[in-house]
Amino acid sequence: LVRMKFLQLLSRKPGKLEMLFRIPFCQKQFPYMCLATSTCLYSKKKKVNSYEQVDQEKYKNLVYSVTSYKTSAQTPETIFEEDNLLYGPPNKHRPPVKAGTKTPKNWVPLINPNKRIPLLNGDSNLPIKIALQKTKMPSVTRILQQTISPQQAFYLERWKEKMILELGKDGFAEYTKNLFLQGELFHAALESIFLSEEIATEEQREDVVISGYLSSVQHVLKDISEVKALESAVQHETLQYLGLVDCVAKYRGQLCVIDWKTSEKPKPSLKNTFDNPLQVAAYIGAINHDANYDFQVSCGLIVVAYKNGSPAHPHFMDPGLCSQYWNKWLLRLEEYMDRN
């Protein structure tokens, strides 16, 4: 009887279970029964899932609309509107124009359409050689040096600091002096070769300073013919700049402005020559607009000779490539004129 009343009390008033444990009679008479029964009741409550009591049919449409909105309701237009709301309208920014595609303000054609070329040249066998006169016109070399890119200036300065660290200031000055001297001797030797091949070749090959350079360019010299100008001054009468051309001759049948370069490191591609293609293009444009020259040029050639005698690298510039570098040269010329 006592057990039945106790169970009824537990089932009717489970919240007052603590009060039953305080009764001495229950603690002495039914300690195990109370403990077992209470454990059973609490385990049943833990198994009850409150979500099962929710009316799922009632909220089915709401759940579906929330879970399916991001995947099915959004379109490119709604995403664009959302971005405008969050970040504002996009800025209509135009990408920077590359120097190669930018058109110079004062554009002059590379080939002079007004230049008349005689059918027969008087002294065609003698190369033109005009001395460079000092004028207020800037030289091609000066213009390129003063408009050098920041990246090239950085690498040039870093190379200079490295050389000074290794050789010292006096040693570096002597090193650069020798480089210029070697270049002058090399150009003089080539001029002598074109004017009187046999005599020049015998004399110059004995010079240890330039013997390696001359050996380096032997395979290129075989492809050069009909020299028209040697160490000759040119000036662009319209754009007002001048320069000194190393050589104008035919290379494998194409009339070219030829620029001879010396290097201690190999330069197998045209991009390794830095601003030399712009220099050649500037000389081509100057010759074509200079009244002292009764011909026009549309091609270029950069020959890189090596001191150790390894075969030189000839870099041929066809008319299309020359036109590209001509536009780049005009931009550099404009930059120089704006600064000065």
Foldseek 3Di string as FASTA:
>chain_A
DVVVVVVVCCVVCVVCLVVQCVDVVCCPPPVPVSVVVNVVVVVVVVPDDPVVVDPCVVCVVVVVCVVCCVPPVDDPVVVQVVCCVVPNHDDPDDDDDDLLPDFFPPDDDLADPPAAFDPDDDCLLDADAADDDDDPFAALVVLCVVLPDPVVVVVVVVVVVVVCVVQNPVRVVVVVVLQVVLVVLQLVLVVVCSVPNPVSVVVSCVDLSCVLQVLQCPVQVVQWDRWHHAQHKFAQPPLRYIYTFHTWTDGNRATAREDEAEDADDDQAPVSVPCVLLVRLVRQSRLSRGPVHSDHHQKYWYWYGYSNNHHIHIDIGGNVNSRSSPSSNSVSSVVSVVVD
